[in-house]
């Protein structure tokens, strides 16, 4: 009988402990949000493509360079602001010829130059893994654009972006592959900035991660 009584006490304790455990609020362990977030320059920030009627886009592309309309005439302000957000958050990168930079003293031609978000450039560089041909395709550049001469990546910090805007297709660097709507023919987000000689910039290796 004593053994039976002891077993009864043990079972009663287990039942009570289990009931108390489930009645007590439990806080699940979670990782710190800071530990889950990547630094802005390393994270490919998402961009939503502006809503542009394909027929309108084709008409704009067919226009001669210099006569194409301002993007604000065929894109909403909300779409433009959303498109430019990654540039304002992570800065911008331009791929340029190092000799041209040294000769001009600036990273691009007068009137505006094409740039991509720094966040997306980091993802592009990792994705291409040293394949300059793939990088040319995604950036909408003509073949061998990056293999002729010494090409480098030029980083401009967010606070130094002058007149950040949606490309119009009237820029000096617009080629036959240019597409209206803020994306290259290879699907990379792009914008235009002015780069006078007093704009500070940092030259990065085009292939190796910094």
C-alpha atoms as a PDB file:
ATOM      1  CA  UNK A   1       0.000   0.000   0.000  1.00  0.00           C
ATOM      2  CA  UNK A   2       2.757   2.550   0.748  1.00  0.00           C
ATOM      3  CA  UNK A   3       4.134   2.037  -2.760  1.00  0.00           C
ATOM      4  CA  UNK A   4       0.708   2.663  -4.269  1.00  0.00           C
ATOM      5  CA  UNK A   5       0.312   5.835  -2.187  1.00  0.00           C
ATOM      6  CA  UNK A   6       3.771   7.098  -3.275  1.00  0.00           C
ATOM      7  CA  UNK A   7       2.956   6.459  -6.921  1.00  0.00           C
ATOM      8  CA  UNK A   8      -0.302   8.361  -6.499  1.00  0.00           C
ATOM      9  CA  UNK A   9       1.546  11.373  -5.057  1.00  0.00           C
ATOM     10  CA  UNK A  10       4.042  11.307  -7.955  1.00  0.00           C
ATOM     11  CA  UNK A  11       1.308  11.217 -10.583  1.00  0.00           C
ATOM     12  CA  UNK A  12      -0.534  14.051  -8.831  1.00  0.00           C
ATOM     13  CA  UNK A  13       2.625  16.202  -8.834  1.00  0.00           C
ATOM     14  CA  UNK A  14       3.216  15.600 -12.575  1.00  0.00           C
ATOM     15  CA  UNK A  15      -0.356  16.519 -13.461  1.00  0.00           C
ATOM     16  CA  UNK A  16      -0.223  19.710 -11.346  1.00  0.00           C
ATOM     17  CA  UNK A  17       3.193  20.750 -12.777  1.00  0.00           C
ATOM     18  CA  UNK A  18       2.009  20.193 -16.361  1.00  0.00           C
ATOM     19  CA  UNK A  19      -1.156  22.215 -15.792  1.00  0.00           C
ATOM     20  CA  UNK A  20       0.802  25.090 -14.202  1.00  0.00           C
ATOM     21  CA  UNK A  21       3.293  25.057 -17.104  1.00  0.00           C
ATOM     22  CA  UNK A  22       0.600  25.528 -19.756  1.00  0.00           C
ATOM     23  CA  UNK A  23      -1.294  28.118 -17.692  1.00  0.00           C
ATOM     24  CA  UNK A  24       1.831  30.277 -17.359  1.00  0.00           C
ATOM     25  CA  UNK A  25       2.404  32.656 -20.363  1.00  0.00           C
ATOM     26  CA  UNK A  26       5.558  31.649 -22.280  1.00  0.00           C
ATOM     27  CA  UNK A  27       7.696  34.061 -24.314  1.00  0.00           C
ATOM     28  CA  UNK A  28       9.235  32.470 -27.397  1.00  0.00           C
ATOM     29  CA  UNK A  29      12.921  33.124 -27.958  1.00  0.00           C
ATOM     30  CA  UNK A  30      13.527  35.196 -31.076  1.00  0.00           C
ATOM     31  CA  UNK A  31      16.603  36.592 -32.766  1.00  0.00           C
ATOM     32  CA  UNK A  32      17.262  40.293 -32.514  1.00  0.00           C
ATOM     33  CA  UNK A  33      15.921  42.168 -35.596  1.00  0.00           C
ATOM     34  CA  UNK A  34      19.321  43.826 -35.855  1.00  0.00           C
ATOM     35  CA  UNK A  35      20.987  40.440 -36.225  1.00  0.00           C
ATOM     36  CA  UNK A  36      18.633  39.531 -39.081  1.00  0.00           C
ATOM     37  CA  UNK A  37      19.071  42.732 -41.065  1.00  0.00           C
ATOM     38  CA  UNK A  38      21.952  43.220 -43.508  1.00  0.00           C
ATOM     39  CA  UNK A  39      23.698  46.600 -43.806  1.00  0.00           C
ATOM     40  CA  UNK A  40      21.952  48.795 -46.406  1.00  0.00           C
ATOM     41  CA  UNK A  41      24.809  48.611 -48.924  1.00  0.00           C
ATOM     42  CA  UNK A  42      24.718  44.797 -48.865  1.00  0.00           C
ATOM     43  CA  UNK A  43      20.979  44.269 -49.200  1.00  0.00           C
ATOM     44  CA  UNK A  44      19.240  44.187 -52.574  1.00  0.00           C
ATOM     45  CA  UNK A  45      16.333  46.478 -51.833  1.00  0.00           C
ATOM     46  CA  UNK A  46      13.206  45.544 -53.799  1.00  0.00           C
ATOM     47  CA  UNK A  47      11.907  47.909 -56.434  1.00  0.00           C
ATOM     48  CA  UNK A  48       8.462  47.756 -58.022  1.00  0.00           C
ATOM     49  CA  UNK A  49       8.423  48.451 -61.741  1.00  0.00           C
ATOM     50  CA  UNK A  50       6.561  51.661 -62.597  1.00  0.00           C
ATOM     51  CA  UNK A  51       3.290  51.044 -64.399  1.00  0.00           C
ATOM     52  CA  UNK A  52       3.945  51.886 -68.052  1.00  0.00           C
ATOM     53  CA  UNK A  53       1.763  50.883 -70.977  1.00  0.00           C
ATOM     54  CA  UNK A  54       3.976  48.816 -73.352  1.00  0.00           C
ATOM     55  CA  UNK A  55       2.615  50.681 -76.384  1.00  0.00           C
ATOM     56  CA  UNK A  56       3.518  54.019 -74.801  1.00  0.00           C
ATOM     57  CA  UNK A  57       6.965  52.703 -73.997  1.00  0.00           C
ATOM     58  CA  UNK A  58       7.558  51.641 -77.591  1.00  0.00           C
ATOM     59  CA  UNK A  59       6.482  55.048 -78.921  1.00  0.00           C
ATOM     60  CA  UNK A  60       8.848  56.828 -76.533  1.00  0.00           C
ATOM     61  CA  UNK A  61      11.743  54.540 -77.401  1.00  0.00           C
ATOM     62  CA  UNK A  62      11.196  55.176 -81.132  1.00  0.00           C
ATOM     63  CA  UNK A  63      11.567  58.934 -80.664  1.00  0.00           C
ATOM     64  CA  UNK A  64      14.926  60.498 -81.570  1.00  0.00           C
ATOM     65  CA  UNK A  65      17.297  61.097 -78.667  1.00  0.00           C
ATOM     66  CA  UNK A  66      16.840  64.635 -77.403  1.00  0.00           C
ATOM     67  CA  UNK A  67      13.099  64.724 -78.127  1.00  0.00           C
ATOM     68  CA  UNK A  68      11.843  62.142 -75.628  1.00  0.00           C
ATOM     69  CA  UNK A  69       9.389  63.445 -73.001  1.00  0.00           C
ATOM     70  CA  UNK A  70      10.106  63.880 -69.316  1.00  0.00           C
ATOM     71  CA  UNK A  71       9.133  60.693 -67.410  1.00  0.00           C
ATOM     72  CA  UNK A  72       6.791  62.731 -65.193  1.00  0.00           C
ATOM     73  CA  UNK A  73       4.479  63.034 -68.198  1.00  0.00           C
ATOM     74  CA  UNK A  74       3.856  59.286 -68.436  1.00  0.00           C
ATOM     75  CA  UNK A  75       4.658  57.969 -64.912  1.00  0.00           C
ATOM     76  CA  UNK A  76       2.940  58.880 -61.648  1.00  0.00           C
ATOM     77  CA  UNK A  77       4.800  60.743 -58.906  1.00  0.00           C
ATOM     78  CA  UNK A  78       4.208  57.780 -56.570  1.00  0.00           C
ATOM     79  CA  UNK A  79       5.842  55.374 -59.043  1.00  0.00           C
ATOM     80  CA  UNK A  80       8.826  57.677 -59.538  1.00  0.00           C
ATOM     81  CA  UNK A  81       9.320  58.195 -55.787  1.00  0.00           C
ATOM     82  CA  UNK A  82       9.139  54.447 -55.156  1.00  0.00           C
ATOM     83  CA  UNK A  83      11.630  53.774 -57.927  1.00  0.00           C
ATOM     84  CA  UNK A  84      14.157  56.273 -56.564  1.00  0.00           C
ATOM     85  CA  UNK A  85      13.868  55.097 -52.950  1.00  0.00           C
ATOM     86  CA  UNK A  86      16.687  52.471 -53.115  1.00  0.00           C
ATOM     87  CA  UNK A  87      19.062  55.111 -54.494  1.00  0.00           C
ATOM     88  CA  UNK A  88      18.268  57.462 -51.619  1.00  0.00           C
ATOM     89  CA  UNK A  89      18.747  54.659 -49.091  1.00  0.00           C
ATOM     90  CA  UNK A  90      21.928  52.970 -50.304  1.00  0.00           C
ATOM     91  CA  UNK A  91      23.566  55.450 -52.664  1.00  0.00           C
ATOM     92  CA  UNK A  92      24.350  54.891 -56.335  1.00  0.00           C
ATOM     93  CA  UNK A  93      26.976  53.172 -58.457  1.00  0.00           C
ATOM     94  CA  UNK A  94      28.115  54.033 -61.955  1.00  0.00           C
ATOM     95  CA  UNK A  95      30.252  51.757 -64.085  1.00  0.00           C
ATOM     96  CA  UNK A  96      32.765  53.902 -65.956  1.00  0.00           C
ATOM     97  CA  UNK A  97      36.096  53.878 -67.737  1.00  0.00           C
ATOM     98  CA  UNK A  98      38.890  54.848 -65.359  1.00  0.00           C
ATOM     99  CA  UNK A  99      40.775  56.737 -68.100  1.00  0.00           C
ATOM    100  CA  UNK A 100      37.692  58.845 -68.875  1.00  0.00           C
ATOM    101  CA  UNK A 101      37.305  59.726 -65.196  1.00  0.00           C
ATOM    102  CA  UNK A 102      40.927  60.852 -65.022  1.00  0.00           C
ATOM    103  CA  UNK A 103      40.589  62.906 -68.235  1.00  0.00           C
ATOM    104  CA  UNK A 104      37.284  64.602 -67.328  1.00  0.00           C
ATOM    105  CA  UNK A 105      37.827  64.925 -63.598  1.00  0.00           C
ATOM    106  CA  UNK A 106      34.263  63.708 -63.105  1.00  0.00           C
ATOM    107  CA  UNK A 107      32.482  60.345 -63.235  1.00  0.00           C
ATOM    108  CA  UNK A 108      30.122  61.113 -66.097  1.00  0.00           C
ATOM    109  CA  UNK A 109      29.169  63.424 -68.948  1.00  0.00           C
ATOM    110  CA  UNK A 110      27.474  66.776 -68.486  1.00  0.00           C
ATOM    111  CA  UNK A 111      23.708  66.685 -68.469  1.00  0.00           C
ATOM    112  CA  UNK A 112      23.373  63.534 -66.377  1.00  0.00           C
ATOM    113  CA  UNK A 113      24.767  60.037 -66.142  1.00  0.00           C
ATOM    114  CA  UNK A 114      23.189  56.628 -65.529  1.00  0.00           C
ATOM    115  CA  UNK A 115      23.531  54.978 -62.119  1.00  0.00           C
ATOM    116  CA  UNK A 116      22.153  51.910 -60.342  1.00  0.00           C
ATOM    117  CA  UNK A 117      21.352  51.487 -56.616  1.00  0.00           C
ATOM    118  CA  UNK A 118      24.408  50.476 -54.580  1.00  0.00           C
ATOM    119  CA  UNK A 119      22.318  47.725 -52.977  1.00  0.00           C
ATOM    120  CA  UNK A 120      21.533  46.163 -56.360  1.00  0.00           C
ATOM    121  CA  UNK A 121      25.101  46.581 -57.608  1.00  0.00           C
ATOM    122  CA  UNK A 122      26.396  44.452 -54.723  1.00  0.00           C
ATOM    123  CA  UNK A 123      23.892  41.740 -55.643  1.00  0.00           C
ATOM    124  CA  UNK A 124      24.807  42.029 -59.346  1.00  0.00           C
ATOM    125  CA  UNK A 125      28.527  41.707 -58.640  1.00  0.00           C
ATOM    126  CA  UNK A 126      27.968  38.596 -56.529  1.00  0.00           C
ATOM    127  CA  UNK A 127      25.585  37.121 -59.117  1.00  0.00           C
ATOM    128  CA  UNK A 128      27.926  37.634 -62.091  1.00  0.00           C
ATOM    129  CA  UNK A 129      30.949  36.198 -60.297  1.00  0.00           C
ATOM    130  CA  UNK A 130      33.466  37.933 -62.559  1.00  0.00           C
ATOM    131  CA  UNK A 131      31.533  37.373 -65.800  1.00  0.00           C
ATOM    132  CA  UNK A 132      31.724  40.809 -67.451  1.00  0.00           C
ATOM    133  CA  UNK A 133      29.602  39.647 -70.387  1.00  0.00           C
ATOM    134  CA  UNK A 134      26.720  38.837 -68.052  1.00  0.00           C
ATOM    135  CA  UNK A 135      27.181  42.178 -66.303  1.00  0.00           C
ATOM    136  CA  UNK A 136      27.017  44.000 -69.660  1.00  0.00           C
ATOM    137  CA  UNK A 137      23.754  42.216 -70.495  1.00  0.00           C
ATOM    138  CA  UNK A 138      22.088  43.025 -67.182  1.00  0.00           C
ATOM    139  CA  UNK A 139      23.197  46.661 -67.313  1.00  0.00           C
ATOM    140  CA  UNK A 140      21.962  47.087 -70.887  1.00  0.00           C
ATOM    141  CA  UNK A 141      25.453  47.869 -72.200  1.00  0.00           C
ATOM    142  CA  UNK A 142      26.778  47.132 -75.657  1.00  0.00           C
ATOM    143  CA  UNK A 143      29.027  44.082 -76.016  1.00  0.00           C
ATOM    144  CA  UNK A 144      32.628  44.574 -74.799  1.00  0.00           C
ATOM    145  CA  UNK A 145      31.745  47.861 -73.105  1.00  0.00           C
ATOM    146  CA  UNK A 146      33.371  46.645 -69.892  1.00  0.00           C
ATOM    147  CA  UNK A 147      36.333  44.823 -71.415  1.00  0.00           C
ATOM    148  CA  UNK A 148      37.624  47.753 -73.461  1.00  0.00           C
ATOM    149  CA  UNK A 149      40.020  49.768 -71.333  1.00  0.00           C
ATOM    150  CA  UNK A 150      39.870  49.698 -67.536  1.00  0.00           C
ATOM    151  CA  UNK A 151      36.320  49.715 -66.199  1.00  0.00           C
ATOM    152  CA  UNK A 152      35.641  50.482 -62.551  1.00  0.00           C
ATOM    153  CA  UNK A 153      32.631  50.922 -60.297  1.00  0.00           C
ATOM    154  CA  UNK A 154      32.149  54.400 -58.861  1.00  0.00           C
ATOM    155  CA  UNK A 155      30.145  54.754 -55.650  1.00  0.00           C
ATOM    156  CA  UNK A 156      28.335  57.985 -54.757  1.00  0.00           C
ATOM    157  CA  UNK A 157      26.870  58.256 -51.268  1.00  0.00           C
ATOM    158  CA  UNK A 158      23.155  59.093 -50.841  1.00  0.00           C
ATOM    159  CA  UNK A 159      23.806  62.622 -49.567  1.00  0.00           C
ATOM    160  CA  UNK A 160      25.942  63.395 -52.629  1.00  0.00           C
ATOM    161  CA  UNK A 161      23.410  62.468 -55.323  1.00  0.00           C
ATOM    162  CA  UNK A 162      22.741  65.628 -57.339  1.00  0.00           C
ATOM    163  CA  UNK A 163      19.340  65.949 -59.030  1.00  0.00           C
ATOM    164  CA  UNK A 164      18.475  62.268 -58.735  1.00  0.00           C
ATOM    165  CA  UNK A 165      15.748  61.541 -61.277  1.00  0.00           C
ATOM    166  CA  UNK A 166      14.174  58.995 -63.594  1.00  0.00           C
ATOM    167  CA  UNK A 167      16.067  58.631 -66.908  1.00  0.00           C
ATOM    168  CA  UNK A 168      14.407  60.240 -69.929  1.00  0.00           C
ATOM    169  CA  UNK A 169      16.472  58.590 -72.674  1.00  0.00           C
ATOM    170  CA  UNK A 170      17.915  61.951 -73.706  1.00  0.00           C
ATOM    171  CA  UNK A 171      21.128  61.389 -71.724  1.00  0.00           C
ATOM    172  CA  UNK A 172      24.434  61.204 -73.567  1.00  0.00           C
ATOM    173  CA  UNK A 173      24.896  57.597 -72.461  1.00  0.00           C
ATOM    174  CA  UNK A 174      21.539  56.361 -73.801  1.00  0.00           C
ATOM    175  CA  UNK A 175      22.128  53.686 -76.439  1.00  0.00           C
ATOM    176  CA  UNK A 176      19.900  51.596 -78.699  1.00  0.00           C
ATOM    177  CA  UNK A 177      19.178  49.261 -75.756  1.00  0.00           C
ATOM    178  CA  UNK A 178      17.687  52.025 -73.579  1.00  0.00           C
ATOM    179  CA  UNK A 179      14.181  51.351 -72.281  1.00  0.00           C
ATOM    180  CA  UNK A 180      11.734  53.913 -70.807  1.00  0.00           C
ATOM    181  CA  UNK A 181      10.493  53.262 -67.292  1.00  0.00           C
ATOM    182  CA  UNK A 182      13.693  53.224 -65.223  1.00  0.00           C
ATOM    183  CA  UNK A 183      14.990  49.731 -65.994  1.00  0.00           C
ATOM    184  CA  UNK A 184      17.742  48.517 -68.295  1.00  0.00           C
ATOM    185  CA  UNK A 185      16.984  46.009 -71.028  1.00  0.00           C
ATOM    186  CA  UNK A 186      18.571  43.442 -68.674  1.00  0.00           C
ATOM    187  CA  UNK A 187      16.203  44.263 -65.809  1.00  0.00           C
ATOM    188  CA  UNK A 188      18.397  46.446 -63.555  1.00  0.00           C
ATOM    189  CA  UNK A 189      16.935  49.572 -61.928  1.00  0.00           C
ATOM    190  CA  UNK A 190      18.553  52.761 -63.136  1.00  0.00           C
ATOM    191  CA  UNK A 191      18.339  56.493 -62.519  1.00  0.00           C
ATOM    192  CA  UNK A 192      20.152  59.626 -63.639  1.00  0.00           C
ATOM    193  CA  UNK A 193      22.242  62.040 -61.566  1.00  0.00           C
ATOM    194  CA  UNK A 194      24.384  65.066 -62.303  1.00  0.00           C
ATOM    195  CA  UNK A 195      28.078  64.588 -61.533  1.00  0.00           C
ATOM    196  CA  UNK A 196      29.949  67.904 -61.559  1.00  0.00           C
ATOM    197  CA  UNK A 197      33.601  67.914 -60.527  1.00  0.00           C
ATOM    198  CA  UNK A 198      32.836  68.722 -56.886  1.00  0.00           C
ATOM    199  CA  UNK A 199      30.780  65.547 -56.315  1.00  0.00           C
ATOM    200  CA  UNK A 200      32.820  63.191 -54.088  1.00  0.00           C
ATOM    201  CA  UNK A 201      32.986  59.551 -55.107  1.00  0.00           C
ATOM    202  CA  UNK A 202      34.787  56.311 -54.267  1.00  0.00           C
ATOM    203  CA  UNK A 203      36.259  53.980 -56.884  1.00  0.00           C
ATOM    204  CA  UNK A 204      35.567  50.297 -56.197  1.00  0.00           C
ATOM    205  CA  UNK A 205      36.743  47.168 -57.939  1.00  0.00           C
ATOM    206  CA  UNK A 206      34.217  46.073 -60.531  1.00  0.00           C
ATOM    207  CA  UNK A 207      34.531  42.390 -59.717  1.00  0.00           C
ATOM    208  CA  UNK A 208      35.667  41.867 -56.150  1.00  0.00           C
ATOM    209  CA  UNK A 209      33.420  42.660 -53.202  1.00  0.00           C
ATOM    210  CA  UNK A 210      34.607  45.537 -50.986  1.00  0.00           C
END
